[in-house]
Protein backbone atom coordinates (compact mmCIF):
# COMPACT_ATOMS: atom_id res chain seq x y z
CA UNK A 1 -11.77 -4.21 5.10
CA UNK A 2 -8.53 -2.26 6.45
CA UNK A 3 -5.92 -0.97 4.38
CA UNK A 4 -2.14 0.19 5.54
CA UNK A 5 -0.02 1.77 3.55
CA UNK A 6 3.63 1.06 5.41
CA UNK A 7 7.16 2.14 4.66
CA UNK A 8 10.74 1.30 5.69
CA UNK A 9 12.18 4.43 6.76
CA UNK A 10 11.55 7.69 8.76
CA UNK A 11 8.15 8.54 9.94
CA UNK A 12 6.74 11.39 7.71
CA UNK A 13 6.51 14.97 9.41
CA UNK A 14 4.37 17.79 8.63
CA UNK A 15 7.26 20.25 8.80
CA UNK A 16 7.55 22.48 5.72
CA UNK A 17 9.56 21.92 2.45
CA UNK A 18 9.56 19.47 -0.67
CA UNK A 19 9.21 16.10 0.85
CA UNK A 20 5.82 17.65 3.04
CA UNK A 21 4.18 18.08 -0.15
CA UNK A 22 4.30 14.68 -1.00
CA UNK A 23 2.96 13.72 2.39
CA UNK A 24 0.27 16.19 1.67
CA UNK A 25 -0.65 14.82 -1.36
CA UNK A 26 -0.57 11.46 -0.04
CA UNK A 27 -3.03 12.28 2.68
CA UNK A 28 -5.49 13.91 0.19
CA UNK A 29 -5.74 10.30 -1.43
CA UNK A 30 -5.62 8.31 1.86
CA UNK A 31 -8.86 10.77 2.82
CA UNK A 32 -10.20 10.22 -0.31
CA UNK A 33 -10.25 6.19 0.11
CA UNK A 34 -11.81 6.31 3.23
CA UNK A 35 -15.60 6.72 2.48
CA UNK A 36 -14.58 3.18 0.65
CA UNK A 37 -12.22 1.64 3.56
CA UNK A 38 -10.73 2.47 6.81
CA UNK A 39 -7.05 3.19 5.73
CA UNK A 40 -4.01 4.37 7.67
CA UNK A 41 -0.38 4.57 7.50
CA UNK A 42 2.84 3.25 9.10
CA UNK A 43 6.82 3.87 8.81
CA UNK A 44 9.27 1.02 10.32
CA UNK A 45 12.74 2.21 10.98
CA UNK A 46 14.06 -1.44 9.81
CA UNK A 47 12.64 -4.48 7.58
CA UNK A 48 12.33 -6.45 10.73
CA UNK A 49 10.08 -4.04 12.35
CA UNK A 50 8.27 -4.35 9.73
CA UNK A 51 8.13 -7.81 9.79
CA UNK A 52 7.34 -8.20 13.51
CA UNK A 53 4.48 -5.57 13.08
CA UNK A 54 3.04 -8.01 10.24
CA UNK A 55 3.05 -11.48 12.37
CA UNK A 56 1.54 -10.01 15.46
CA UNK A 57 -1.90 -10.52 15.72
CA UNK A 58 -3.37 -7.37 16.74
CA UNK A 59 -2.24 -6.32 13.43
CA UNK A 60 -3.73 -9.12 11.33
CA UNK A 61 -7.51 -8.01 10.90
CA UNK A 62 -10.40 -7.67 13.28
CA UNK A 63 -9.99 -10.22 16.39
CA UNK A 64 -6.82 -11.58 14.55
CA UNK A 65 -9.20 -13.68 12.83
CA UNK A 66 -7.37 -13.70 9.26
CA UNK A 67 -3.70 -12.66 8.55
CA UNK A 68 -2.75 -9.73 7.16
CA UNK A 69 -2.24 -9.47 3.35
CA UNK A 70 1.01 -8.36 2.55
CA UNK A 71 2.02 -6.77 -0.86
CA UNK A 72 5.12 -5.26 -1.04
CA UNK A 73 6.56 -2.89 -3.91
CA UNK A 74 9.27 -4.72 -5.55
CA UNK A 75 10.44 -3.82 -9.12
CA UNK A 76 10.45 -7.52 -9.81
CA UNK A 77 7.14 -7.82 -8.97
CA UNK A 78 4.16 -7.71 -11.33
CA UNK A 79 3.28 -4.61 -13.18
CA UNK A 80 -0.39 -4.18 -13.44
CA UNK A 81 -2.66 -1.60 -15.19
CA UNK A 82 -5.14 0.55 -12.93
CA UNK A 83 -8.03 -1.96 -13.91
CA UNK A 84 -5.90 -5.21 -13.47
CA UNK A 85 -4.77 -3.56 -10.07
CA UNK A 86 -8.23 -2.83 -9.26
CA UNK A 87 -9.70 -6.35 -9.95
CA UNK A 88 -7.14 -7.73 -7.93
CA UNK A 89 -8.34 -5.61 -5.28
CA UNK A 90 -11.66 -6.56 -5.66
CA UNK A 91 -11.12 -9.49 -5.82
CA UNK A 92 -9.45 -9.78 -1.98
CA UNK A 93 -12.36 -7.58 -1.05
CA UNK A 94 -14.65 -10.41 -2.15
CA UNK A 95 -12.60 -13.42 -1.02
CA UNK A 96 -13.21 -11.43 2.65
CA UNK A 97 -9.77 -10.06 3.19
CA UNK A 98 -9.97 -8.02 6.26
CA UNK A 99 -6.35 -6.23 6.24
CA UNK A 100 -4.29 -5.31 3.23
CA UNK A 101 -0.66 -3.72 3.93
CA UNK A 102 0.92 -2.22 1.03
CA UNK A 103 4.31 -1.73 1.24
CA UNK A 104 7.31 0.17 0.39
CA UNK A 105 10.55 -1.47 1.41
CA UNK A 106 14.29 -0.37 2.57
CA UNK A 107 16.22 1.45 0.04
CA UNK A 108 18.42 -1.05 -1.01
CA UNK A 109 15.17 -3.04 -1.69
CA UNK A 110 13.37 -6.54 0.15
CA UNK A 111 15.15 -9.07 1.71
CA UNK A 112 14.67 -12.75 -0.01
CA UNK A 113 12.68 -13.42 3.12
CA UNK A 114 10.40 -10.72 3.15
CA UNK A 115 9.50 -11.25 -0.59
CA UNK A 116 8.86 -14.52 0.47
CA UNK A 117 5.63 -13.71 2.94
CA UNK A 118 4.27 -11.27 0.08
CA UNK A 119 1.13 -12.49 -1.06
CA UNK A 120 1.90 -10.18 -4.20
CA UNK A 121 5.20 -8.30 -5.69
CA UNK A 122 3.84 -5.49 -7.22
CA UNK A 123 5.96 -3.34 -9.55
CA UNK A 124 5.09 0.32 -10.96
CA UNK A 125 7.96 -0.67 -13.42
CA UNK A 126 11.71 -0.94 -13.81
CA UNK A 127 12.22 3.12 -13.11
CA UNK A 128 13.48 4.25 -9.34
CA UNK A 129 11.75 6.85 -7.60
CA UNK A 130 11.81 8.44 -4.36
CA UNK A 131 9.85 6.55 -1.64
CA UNK A 132 7.55 9.82 -1.30
CA UNK A 133 6.43 9.33 -4.43
CA UNK A 134 5.95 5.69 -4.54
CA UNK A 135 3.98 6.57 -1.41
CA UNK A 136 1.86 9.14 -3.50
CA UNK A 137 1.40 6.88 -6.67
CA UNK A 138 0.19 4.02 -4.35
CA UNK A 139 -2.18 6.12 -2.49
CA UNK A 140 -3.55 7.32 -5.83
CA UNK A 141 -3.45 3.94 -7.21
CA UNK A 142 -5.73 2.29 -4.38
CA UNK A 143 -8.14 5.23 -4.55
CA UNK A 144 -8.36 4.64 -8.26
CA UNK A 145 -9.12 0.79 -7.73
CA UNK A 146 -11.86 1.99 -5.24
CA UNK A 147 -13.67 4.48 -7.66
CA UNK A 148 -13.53 1.45 -10.78
CA UNK A 149 -14.71 -1.14 -8.21
CA UNK A 150 -17.16 1.64 -7.57
CA UNK A 151 -18.22 2.60 -10.66
CA UNK A 152 -17.22 6.43 -10.10
CA UNK A 153 -16.10 8.24 -13.41
CA UNK A 154 -12.89 9.09 -11.54
CA UNK A 155 -10.83 6.80 -13.94
CA UNK A 156 -12.08 6.71 -17.72
CA UNK A 157 -9.91 4.08 -18.85
CA UNK A 158 -7.17 5.66 -20.47
């Protein structure tokens, strides 16, 4: 299964500075996911660019047999524990999902059009956090889900 972490905003860069620290840490978790699933990262200047990309068959899994499954991070979404998230993620894997796109939206939030396209609206709670931090948390939770499903001791359940 292919996993894509997408966000609306500028491409992350390897330049030095506080934001590069978030990118470095996010990359650590994306690399840790690789033994479990292929994982990549995409950035889009606008929500409409993201939705157009999501609609292209080339981004919808192997030979476009199935459409990509969009998961949008949104404060109005479902709040799941790490174990609940792993269960949701494992069910998609077991159902044969080929590509899941986890996306962090524009600064003013997802439009109703985008929210209606989502397979899941996922919330990390009512707090507001910078996009870079949300990407890091998302990458870590995806890695945690992989380890929970594999029975790895990384997640101790508390």
